[in-house]
């Protein structure tokens, strides 16, 4: 079984492209800034609900957020 890793560059690109602060991105996603920090640092303790909130804002499928 391979470990899936979150494609954090998708999140960073979205933030930069839309000229958002990380705080504004968190408000759009309705997640805590600490959750975003955990995701960007590749923490393994990230809830699936937060990931679904992020992909909703990014307008992508959940599988697109992970490396194979």
PDB file of N, CA and C in Angstrom:
ATOM      1  N   UNK A   1       0.845  -1.182   0.000  1.00  0.00           N
ATOM      2  CA  UNK A   1       0.000   0.000   0.000  1.00  0.00           C
ATOM      3  C   UNK A   1       0.891   1.246   0.000  1.00  0.00           C
ATOM      4  N   UNK A   2       0.585   2.174  -0.901  1.00  0.00           N
ATOM      5  CA  UNK A   2       1.379   3.394  -0.980  1.00  0.00           C
ATOM      6  C   UNK A   2       0.721   4.504  -0.170  1.00  0.00           C
ATOM      7  N   UNK A   3       1.548   5.363   0.348  1.00  0.00           N
ATOM      8  CA  UNK A   3       1.057   6.490   1.131  1.00  0.00           C
ATOM      9  C   UNK A   3       0.651   7.613   0.180  1.00  0.00           C
ATOM     10  N   UNK A   4      -0.542   8.123   0.332  1.00  0.00           N
ATOM     11  CA  UNK A   4      -0.993   9.236  -0.489  1.00  0.00           C
ATOM     12  C   UNK A   4      -0.591  10.536   0.185  1.00  0.00           C
ATOM     13  N   UNK A   5      -0.157  11.457  -0.623  1.00  0.00           N
ATOM     14  CA  UNK A   5       0.281  12.753  -0.116  1.00  0.00           C
ATOM     15  C   UNK A   5      -0.545  13.835  -0.799  1.00  0.00           C
ATOM     16  N   UNK A   6      -0.904  14.821  -0.051  1.00  0.00           N
ATOM     17  CA  UNK A   6      -1.724  15.916  -0.566  1.00  0.00           C
ATOM     18  C   UNK A   6      -0.898  16.810  -1.487  1.00  0.00           C
ATOM     19  N   UNK A   7      -1.489  17.188  -2.598  1.00  0.00           N
ATOM     20  CA  UNK A   7      -0.850  18.107  -3.544  1.00  0.00           C
ATOM     21  C   UNK A   7      -1.040  19.533  -3.027  1.00  0.00           C
ATOM     22  N   UNK A   8      -0.162  19.943  -2.142  1.00  0.00           N
ATOM     23  CA  UNK A   8      -0.286  21.264  -1.529  1.00  0.00           C
ATOM     24  C   UNK A   8      -0.093  22.387  -2.541  1.00  0.00           C
ATOM     25  N   UNK A   9       0.598  22.091  -3.644  1.00  0.00           N
ATOM     26  CA  UNK A   9       0.806  23.134  -4.649  1.00  0.00           C
ATOM     27  C   UNK A   9      -0.509  23.591  -5.272  1.00  0.00           C
ATOM     28  N   UNK A  10      -1.519  22.722  -5.321  1.00  0.00           N
ATOM     29  CA  UNK A  10      -2.825  23.133  -5.837  1.00  0.00           C
ATOM     30  C   UNK A  10      -3.443  24.217  -4.949  1.00  0.00           C
ATOM     31  N   UNK A  11      -3.291  24.034  -3.662  1.00  0.00           N
ATOM     32  CA  UNK A  11      -3.827  25.014  -2.710  1.00  0.00           C
ATOM     33  C   UNK A  11      -3.047  26.321  -2.809  1.00  0.00           C
ATOM     34  N   UNK A  12      -1.733  26.219  -2.835  1.00  0.00           N
ATOM     35  CA  UNK A  12      -0.892  27.416  -2.908  1.00  0.00           C
ATOM     36  C   UNK A  12      -1.131  28.180  -4.209  1.00  0.00           C
ATOM     37  N   UNK A  13      -1.276  27.466  -5.319  1.00  0.00           N
ATOM     38  CA  UNK A  13      -1.550  28.112  -6.607  1.00  0.00           C
ATOM     39  C   UNK A  13      -2.891  28.837  -6.585  1.00  0.00           C
ATOM     40  N   UNK A  14      -3.899  28.209  -5.981  1.00  0.00           N
ATOM     41  CA  UNK A  14      -5.215  28.835  -5.888  1.00  0.00           C
ATOM     42  C   UNK A  14      -5.138  30.121  -5.067  1.00  0.00           C
ATOM     43  N   UNK A  15      -4.449  30.055  -3.941  1.00  0.00           N
ATOM     44  CA  UNK A  15      -4.304  31.232  -3.078  1.00  0.00           C
ATOM     45  C   UNK A  15      -3.608  32.367  -3.833  1.00  0.00           C
ATOM     46  N   UNK A  16      -2.524  32.047  -4.519  1.00  0.00           N
ATOM     47  CA  UNK A  16      -1.777  33.067  -5.267  1.00  0.00           C
ATOM     48  C   UNK A  16      -2.573  33.601  -6.451  1.00  0.00           C
ATOM     49  N   UNK A  17      -3.186  32.713  -7.208  1.00  0.00           N
ATOM     50  CA  UNK A  17      -3.942  33.106  -8.402  1.00  0.00           C
ATOM     51  C   UNK A  17      -5.091  34.051  -8.051  1.00  0.00           C
ATOM     52  N   UNK A  18      -5.720  33.807  -6.913  1.00  0.00           N
ATOM     53  CA  UNK A  18      -6.865  34.605  -6.494  1.00  0.00           C
ATOM     54  C   UNK A  18      -6.492  35.726  -5.529  1.00  0.00           C
ATOM     55  N   UNK A  19      -5.190  35.933  -5.332  1.00  0.00           N
ATOM     56  CA  UNK A  19      -4.678  37.010  -4.477  1.00  0.00           C
ATOM     57  C   UNK A  19      -5.327  36.990  -3.090  1.00  0.00           C
ATOM     58  N   UNK A  20      -5.342  35.801  -2.505  1.00  0.00           N
ATOM     59  CA  UNK A  20      -5.933  35.626  -1.186  1.00  0.00           C
ATOM     60  C   UNK A  20      -4.844  35.476  -0.129  1.00  0.00           C
ATOM     61  N   UNK A  21      -5.166  35.901   1.062  1.00  0.00           N
ATOM     62  CA  UNK A  21      -4.303  35.557   2.188  1.00  0.00           C
ATOM     63  C   UNK A  21      -4.713  34.150   2.628  1.00  0.00           C
ATOM     64  N   UNK A  22      -3.874  33.514   3.406  1.00  0.00           N
ATOM     65  CA  UNK A  22      -4.232  32.190   3.912  1.00  0.00           C
ATOM     66  C   UNK A  22      -5.464  32.274   4.808  1.00  0.00           C
ATOM     67  N   UNK A  23      -5.581  33.369   5.528  1.00  0.00           N
ATOM     68  CA  UNK A  23      -6.750  33.573   6.388  1.00  0.00           C
ATOM     69  C   UNK A  23      -8.029  33.686   5.560  1.00  0.00           C
ATOM     70  N   UNK A  24      -7.962  34.433   4.470  1.00  0.00           N
ATOM     71  CA  UNK A  24      -9.133  34.577   3.595  1.00  0.00           C
ATOM     72  C   UNK A  24      -9.498  33.236   2.965  1.00  0.00           C
ATOM     73  N   UNK A  25      -8.495  32.478   2.565  1.00  0.00           N
ATOM     74  CA  UNK A  25      -8.749  31.150   1.998  1.00  0.00           C
ATOM     75  C   UNK A  25      -9.446  30.263   3.028  1.00  0.00           C
ATOM     76  N   UNK A  26      -8.974  30.308   4.251  1.00  0.00           N
ATOM     77  CA  UNK A  26      -9.589  29.518   5.324  1.00  0.00           C
ATOM     78  C   UNK A  26     -11.044  29.919   5.546  1.00  0.00           C
ATOM     79  N   UNK A  27     -11.325  31.210   5.493  1.00  0.00           N
ATOM     80  CA  UNK A  27     -12.704  31.676   5.655  1.00  0.00           C
ATOM     81  C   UNK A  27     -13.575  31.179   4.510  1.00  0.00           C
ATOM     82  N   UNK A  28     -13.052  31.208   3.288  1.00  0.00           N
ATOM     83  CA  UNK A  28     -13.801  30.710   2.131  1.00  0.00           C
ATOM     84  C   UNK A  28     -14.108  29.224   2.268  1.00  0.00           C
ATOM     85  N   UNK A  29     -13.148  28.487   2.802  1.00  0.00           N
ATOM     86  CA  UNK A  29     -13.300  27.034   2.956  1.00  0.00           C
ATOM     87  C   UNK A  29     -14.047  26.662   4.232  1.00  0.00           C
ATOM     88  N   UNK A  30     -14.168  27.607   5.143  1.00  0.00           N
ATOM     89  CA  UNK A  30     -14.761  27.364   6.459  1.00  0.00           C
ATOM     90  C   UNK A  30     -13.947  26.326   7.245  1.00  0.00           C
ATOM     91  N   UNK A  31     -12.609  26.549   7.233  1.00  0.00           N
ATOM     92  CA  UNK A  31     -11.702  25.721   8.029  1.00  0.00           C
ATOM     93  C   UNK A  31     -10.855  26.634   8.907  1.00  0.00           C
ATOM     94  N   UNK A  32     -10.272  26.069   9.933  1.00  0.00           N
ATOM     95  CA  UNK A  32      -9.409  26.839  10.827  1.00  0.00           C
ATOM     96  C   UNK A  32      -8.031  27.028  10.189  1.00  0.00           C
ATOM     97  N   UNK A  33      -7.386  28.156  10.453  1.00  0.00           N
ATOM     98  CA  UNK A  33      -6.022  28.352   9.949  1.00  0.00           C
ATOM     99  C   UNK A  33      -5.063  27.242  10.385  1.00  0.00           C
ATOM    100  N   UNK A  34      -5.274  26.696  11.557  1.00  0.00           N
ATOM    101  CA  UNK A  34      -4.420  25.600  12.027  1.00  0.00           C
ATOM    102  C   UNK A  34      -4.602  24.351  11.164  1.00  0.00           C
ATOM    103  N   UNK A  35      -5.796  24.175  10.638  1.00  0.00           N
ATOM    104  CA  UNK A  35      -6.055  23.046   9.738  1.00  0.00           C
ATOM    105  C   UNK A  35      -5.292  23.229   8.435  1.00  0.00           C
ATOM    106  N   UNK A  36      -5.323  24.439   7.885  1.00  0.00           N
ATOM    107  CA  UNK A  36      -4.583  24.713   6.660  1.00  0.00           C
ATOM    108  C   UNK A  36      -3.088  24.518   6.894  1.00  0.00           C
ATOM    109  N   UNK A  37      -2.608  24.980   8.035  1.00  0.00           N
ATOM    110  CA  UNK A  37      -1.182  24.811   8.359  1.00  0.00           C
ATOM    111  C   UNK A  37      -0.816  23.327   8.409  1.00  0.00           C
ATOM    112  N   UNK A  38      -1.667  22.517   9.004  1.00  0.00           N
ATOM    113  CA  UNK A  38      -1.412  21.073   9.082  1.00  0.00           C
ATOM    114  C   UNK A  38      -1.393  20.445   7.691  1.00  0.00           C
ATOM    115  N   UNK A  39      -2.291  20.888   6.823  1.00  0.00           N
ATOM    116  CA  UNK A  39      -2.346  20.352   5.461  1.00  0.00           C
ATOM    117  C   UNK A  39      -1.092  20.745   4.689  1.00  0.00           C
ATOM    118  N   UNK A  40      -0.717  22.009   4.767  1.00  0.00           N
ATOM    119  CA  UNK A  40       0.449  22.479   4.023  1.00  0.00           C
ATOM    120  C   UNK A  40       1.756  21.871   4.525  1.00  0.00           C
ATOM    121  N   UNK A  41       1.779  21.469   5.784  1.00  0.00           N
ATOM    122  CA  UNK A  41       2.982  20.837   6.331  1.00  0.00           C
ATOM    123  C   UNK A  41       2.932  19.316   6.205  1.00  0.00           C
ATOM    124  N   UNK A  42       1.945  18.815   5.484  1.00  0.00           N
ATOM    125  CA  UNK A  42       1.785  17.379   5.232  1.00  0.00           C
ATOM    126  C   UNK A  42       1.569  16.564   6.504  1.00  0.00           C
ATOM    127  N   UNK A  43       0.899  17.158   7.474  1.00  0.00           N
ATOM    128  CA  UNK A  43       0.580  16.431   8.698  1.00  0.00           C
ATOM    129  C   UNK A  43      -0.352  15.273   8.362  1.00  0.00           C
ATOM    130  N   UNK A  44      -0.204  14.186   9.065  1.00  0.00           N
ATOM    131  CA  UNK A  44      -1.069  13.032   8.819  1.00  0.00           C
ATOM    132  C   UNK A  44      -2.373  13.115   9.604  1.00  0.00           C
ATOM    133  N   UNK A  45      -2.503  14.114  10.422  1.00  0.00           N
ATOM    134  CA  UNK A  45      -3.687  14.243  11.269  1.00  0.00           C
ATOM    135  C   UNK A  45      -4.623  15.321  10.721  1.00  0.00           C
ATOM    136  N   UNK A  46      -5.141  15.098   9.513  1.00  0.00           N
ATOM    137  CA  UNK A  46      -6.047  16.056   8.883  1.00  0.00           C
ATOM    138  C   UNK A  46      -7.366  15.359   8.633  1.00  0.00           C
ATOM    139  N   UNK A  47      -8.449  15.997   9.052  1.00  0.00           N
ATOM    140  CA  UNK A  47      -9.766  15.406   8.868  1.00  0.00           C
ATOM    141  C   UNK A  47     -10.239  15.442   7.424  1.00  0.00           C
ATOM    142  N   UNK A  48     -10.966  14.415   7.030  1.00  0.00           N
ATOM    143  CA  UNK A  48     -11.471  14.316   5.664  1.00  0.00           C
ATOM    144  C   UNK A  48     -12.485  15.412   5.358  1.00  0.00           C
ATOM    145  N   UNK A  49     -13.223  15.854   6.351  1.00  0.00           N
ATOM    146  CA  UNK A  49     -14.211  16.915   6.132  1.00  0.00           C
ATOM    147  C   UNK A  49     -13.522  18.194   5.670  1.00  0.00           C
ATOM    148  N   UNK A  50     -12.396  18.526   6.279  1.00  0.00           N
ATOM    149  CA  UNK A  50     -11.642  19.719   5.878  1.00  0.00           C
ATOM    150  C   UNK A  50     -11.174  19.602   4.435  1.00  0.00           C
ATOM    151  N   UNK A  51     -10.747  18.413   4.043  1.00  0.00           N
ATOM    152  CA  UNK A  51     -10.295  18.216   2.666  1.00  0.00           C
ATOM    153  C   UNK A  51     -11.444  18.385   1.680  1.00  0.00           C
ATOM    154  N   UNK A  52     -12.624  17.895   2.032  1.00  0.00           N
ATOM    155  CA  UNK A  52     -13.787  18.085   1.167  1.00  0.00           C
ATOM    156  C   UNK A  52     -14.180  19.558   1.067  1.00  0.00           C
ATOM    157  N   UNK A  53     -14.033  20.298   2.146  1.00  0.00           N
ATOM    158  CA  UNK A  53     -14.316  21.731   2.105  1.00  0.00           C
ATOM    159  C   UNK A  53     -13.352  22.447   1.171  1.00  0.00           C
ATOM    160  N   UNK A  54     -12.098  22.034   1.195  1.00  0.00           N
ATOM    161  CA  UNK A  54     -11.085  22.657   0.335  1.00  0.00           C
ATOM    162  C   UNK A  54     -11.345  22.339  -1.133  1.00  0.00           C
ATOM    163  N   UNK A  55     -11.618  21.083  -1.458  1.00  0.00           N
ATOM    164  CA  UNK A  55     -11.833  20.740  -2.867  1.00  0.00           C
ATOM    165  C   UNK A  55     -13.094  21.400  -3.412  1.00  0.00           C
ATOM    166  N   UNK A  56     -14.070  21.665  -2.550  1.00  0.00           N
ATOM    167  CA  UNK A  56     -15.274  22.378  -2.984  1.00  0.00           C
ATOM    168  C   UNK A  56     -14.896  23.779  -3.447  1.00  0.00           C
ATOM    169  N   UNK A  57     -14.031  24.458  -2.698  1.00  0.00           N
ATOM    170  CA  UNK A  57     -13.592  25.806  -3.058  1.00  0.00           C
ATOM    171  C   UNK A  57     -12.677  25.765  -4.289  1.00  0.00           C
ATOM    172  N   UNK A  58     -11.799  24.770  -4.348  1.00  0.00           N
ATOM    173  CA  UNK A  58     -10.887  24.649  -5.490  1.00  0.00           C
ATOM    174  C   UNK A  58     -11.610  24.186  -6.758  1.00  0.00           C
ATOM    175  N   UNK A  59     -12.818  23.664  -6.580  1.00  0.00           N
ATOM    176  CA  UNK A  59     -13.635  23.163  -7.686  1.00  0.00           C
ATOM    177  C   UNK A  59     -12.935  22.001  -8.405  1.00  0.00           C
ATOM    178  N   UNK A  60     -12.447  21.052  -7.597  1.00  0.00           N
ATOM    179  CA  UNK A  60     -11.823  19.853  -8.129  1.00  0.00           C
ATOM    180  C   UNK A  60     -12.418  18.642  -7.423  1.00  0.00           C
ATOM    181  N   UNK A  61     -12.137  17.464  -7.955  1.00  0.00           N
ATOM    182  CA  UNK A  61     -12.551  16.212  -7.317  1.00  0.00           C
ATOM    183  C   UNK A  61     -11.569  15.883  -6.194  1.00  0.00           C
ATOM    184  N   UNK A  62     -12.030  15.185  -5.192  1.00  0.00           N
ATOM    185  CA  UNK A  62     -11.181  14.863  -4.041  1.00  0.00           C
ATOM    186  C   UNK A  62      -9.946  14.055  -4.464  1.00  0.00           C
ATOM    187  N   UNK A  63     -10.100  13.183  -5.443  1.00  0.00           N
ATOM    188  CA  UNK A  63      -8.954  12.371  -5.880  1.00  0.00           C
ATOM    189  C   UNK A  63      -7.857  13.208  -6.525  1.00  0.00           C
ATOM    190  N   UNK A  64      -8.196  14.375  -7.063  1.00  0.00           N
ATOM    191  CA  UNK A  64      -7.213  15.248  -7.686  1.00  0.00           C
ATOM    192  C   UNK A  64      -6.286  15.906  -6.658  1.00  0.00           C
ATOM    193  N   UNK A  65      -6.678  15.863  -5.404  1.00  0.00           N
ATOM    194  CA  UNK A  65      -5.901  16.502  -4.342  1.00  0.00           C
ATOM    195  C   UNK A  65      -4.748  15.617  -3.852  1.00  0.00           C
ATOM    196  N   UNK A  66      -4.720  14.365  -4.306  1.00  0.00           N
ATOM    197  CA  UNK A  66      -3.718  13.407  -3.816  1.00  0.00           C
ATOM    198  C   UNK A  66      -2.812  12.925  -4.928  1.00  0.00           C
ATOM    199  N   UNK A  67      -1.547  12.659  -4.560  1.00  0.00           N
ATOM    200  CA  UNK A  67      -0.623  11.964  -5.441  1.00  0.00           C
ATOM    201  C   UNK A  67      -0.930  10.481  -5.355  1.00  0.00           C
ATOM    202  N   UNK A  68      -0.621   9.758  -6.392  1.00  0.00           N
ATOM    203  CA  UNK A  68      -0.767   8.299  -6.366  1.00  0.00           C
ATOM    204  C   UNK A  68       0.454   7.676  -5.735  1.00  0.00           C
TER     205      UNK A  68
END
